Amino acid sequence: MNEYTTRQLGAWGEQCARRYLESHEWEILDMNWRVRGGELDIVGFDPGRGALVAVEVKTRRTEAKGAPEAAVTPTKLQRLRALLLQWVVKHDYWAPQIAVDVIGVRVFDGTEYTIDHVVGVQ
């Protein structure tokens, strides 16, 4: 992982997050959905909550910039919610709830990593 660029590390972290969510019975509906206002890393359906969820994935080698999930500011959260609503309209998708989650992927020696899943970020 140390030889990965920031972009490569981010893509790797998103794949780790995807596998994690799928192992928890999530249906992944979209990845790296881009529109003029930004990007949603993962859009998925969480059957446990009956919710359509935008998942922001933050991957870090160190915590020099703080915990990965702390990188989602109130402004970023507002943008993610607006993007998720755009996704809903574009895909004509209905779910009883919509939410934003954050997954922090912390990478240690080589390919060792941990995942912290923050559910329903407010």
Protein backbone atom coordinates (compact mmCIF):
# COMPACT_ATOMS: atom_id res chain seq x y z
CA MET A 1 0.00 0.00 0.00
CA ASN A 2 2.87 2.40 0.62
CA GLU A 3 3.67 2.53 -3.10
CA TYR A 4 0.06 3.41 -4.03
CA THR A 5 -0.77 6.93 -5.09
CA THR A 6 -3.52 8.68 -3.12
CA ARG A 7 -5.99 7.91 -5.91
CA GLN A 8 -5.00 4.22 -6.02
CA LEU A 9 -5.24 3.97 -2.24
CA GLY A 10 -8.71 5.52 -2.35
CA ALA A 11 -9.89 3.07 -5.03
CA TRP A 12 -8.47 0.16 -3.02
CA GLY A 13 -10.26 1.40 0.11
CA GLU A 14 -13.54 1.68 -1.79
CA GLN A 15 -13.23 -1.95 -2.89
CA CYS A 16 -12.54 -3.01 0.72
CA ALA A 17 -15.64 -1.05 1.79
CA ARG A 18 -17.71 -2.67 -0.95
CA ARG A 19 -16.69 -6.18 0.15
CA TYR A 20 -17.47 -5.25 3.75
CA LEU A 21 -20.96 -3.99 2.87
CA GLU A 22 -21.72 -6.98 0.65
CA SER A 23 -20.67 -9.29 3.50
CA HIS A 24 -23.38 -7.54 5.54
CA GLU A 25 -26.02 -8.33 2.88
CA TRP A 26 -26.05 -4.88 1.29
CA GLU A 27 -26.99 -4.50 -2.36
CA ILE A 28 -24.48 -2.23 -4.08
CA LEU A 29 -26.35 -0.10 -6.60
CA ASP A 30 -23.61 2.22 -7.83
CA MET A 31 -19.98 3.12 -7.32
CA ASN A 32 -18.19 6.36 -8.09
CA TRP A 33 -21.34 8.04 -9.40
CA ARG A 34 -20.33 11.46 -10.68
CA VAL A 35 -22.36 14.51 -11.56
CA ARG A 36 -21.57 18.17 -11.81
CA GLY A 37 -21.91 18.71 -8.05
CA GLY A 38 -19.63 15.90 -6.93
CA GLU A 39 -19.31 12.16 -6.51
CA LEU A 40 -20.87 9.42 -4.41
CA ASP A 41 -18.33 6.71 -3.59
CA ILE A 42 -20.91 3.98 -2.98
CA VAL A 43 -24.70 3.92 -3.24
CA GLY A 44 -26.23 0.88 -1.65
CA PHE A 45 -29.35 -0.54 -0.10
CA ASP A 46 -29.09 -1.62 3.54
CA PRO A 47 -31.83 -4.20 4.13
CA GLY A 48 -31.40 -3.96 7.90
CA ARG A 49 -32.60 -0.35 7.87
CA GLY A 50 -34.61 -0.52 4.67
CA ALA A 51 -32.53 2.45 3.58
CA LEU A 52 -30.89 3.75 0.47
CA VAL A 53 -27.47 4.88 1.64
CA ALA A 54 -24.71 7.03 0.22
CA VAL A 55 -21.44 5.77 1.68
CA GLU A 56 -18.46 8.10 1.81
CA VAL A 57 -15.24 6.10 2.01
CA LYS A 58 -12.12 7.62 3.54
CA THR A 59 -8.89 5.63 3.42
CA ARG A 60 -5.80 6.57 5.41
CA ARG A 61 -2.31 5.20 5.93
CA THR A 62 -1.81 7.34 9.04
CA GLU A 63 -3.98 9.42 11.31
CA ALA A 64 -1.83 12.53 10.85
CA LYS A 65 -4.92 14.27 9.41
CA GLY A 66 -7.19 12.71 12.04
CA ALA A 67 -9.54 9.75 11.86
CA PRO A 68 -10.76 9.05 8.32
CA GLU A 69 -14.41 9.43 9.20
CA ALA A 70 -13.76 12.84 10.79
CA ALA A 71 -13.00 14.18 7.30
CA VAL A 72 -16.73 14.41 6.57
CA THR A 73 -17.60 17.96 7.57
CA PRO A 74 -21.15 19.33 7.88
CA THR A 75 -20.69 20.99 4.46
CA LYS A 76 -19.57 17.70 2.89
CA LEU A 77 -22.48 15.89 4.55
CA GLN A 78 -24.95 18.39 3.11
CA ARG A 79 -23.43 17.91 -0.36
CA LEU A 80 -23.63 14.10 -0.04
CA ARG A 81 -27.31 14.31 0.87
CA ALA A 82 -28.02 16.55 -2.12
CA LEU A 83 -26.11 14.17 -4.41
CA LEU A 84 -28.05 11.20 -3.07
CA LEU A 85 -31.32 12.97 -3.83
CA GLN A 86 -30.07 13.60 -7.38
CA TRP A 87 -29.22 9.90 -7.65
CA VAL A 88 -32.74 8.98 -6.48
CA VAL A 89 -34.36 11.21 -9.11
CA LYS A 90 -32.06 10.07 -11.93
CA HIS A 91 -32.59 6.38 -11.15
CA ASP A 92 -36.26 6.66 -10.16
CA TYR A 93 -35.46 4.64 -7.05
CA TRP A 94 -37.65 4.57 -3.97
CA ALA A 95 -36.73 3.43 -0.48
CA PRO A 96 -38.46 4.02 2.86
CA GLN A 97 -35.41 5.89 4.14
CA ILE A 98 -32.30 7.55 2.83
CA ALA A 99 -29.11 8.01 4.82
CA VAL A 100 -25.44 8.86 4.65
CA ASP A 101 -22.83 6.57 6.21
CA VAL A 102 -19.07 6.92 6.42
CA ILE A 103 -16.60 4.08 6.22
CA GLY A 104 -13.08 4.74 7.44
CA VAL A 105 -10.44 2.33 6.16
CA ARG A 106 -7.19 2.41 8.12
CA VAL A 107 -4.28 0.68 6.40
CA PHE A 108 -1.45 -0.86 8.40
CA ASP A 109 1.61 -2.85 7.29
CA GLY A 110 0.98 -3.85 3.70
CA THR A 111 -2.54 -5.13 3.19
CA GLU A 112 -3.64 -5.24 6.83
CA TYR A 113 -6.52 -2.87 7.44
CA THR A 114 -9.46 -2.11 9.70
CA ILE A 115 -12.89 -0.78 8.81
CA ASP A 116 -14.93 1.59 10.93
CA HIS A 117 -18.52 2.00 9.74
CA VAL A 118 -20.34 5.07 11.04
CA VAL A 119 -24.05 4.55 10.42
CA GLY A 120 -26.49 7.41 9.82
CA VAL A 121 -24.15 10.38 9.99
CA GLN A 122 -25.95 13.45 11.27
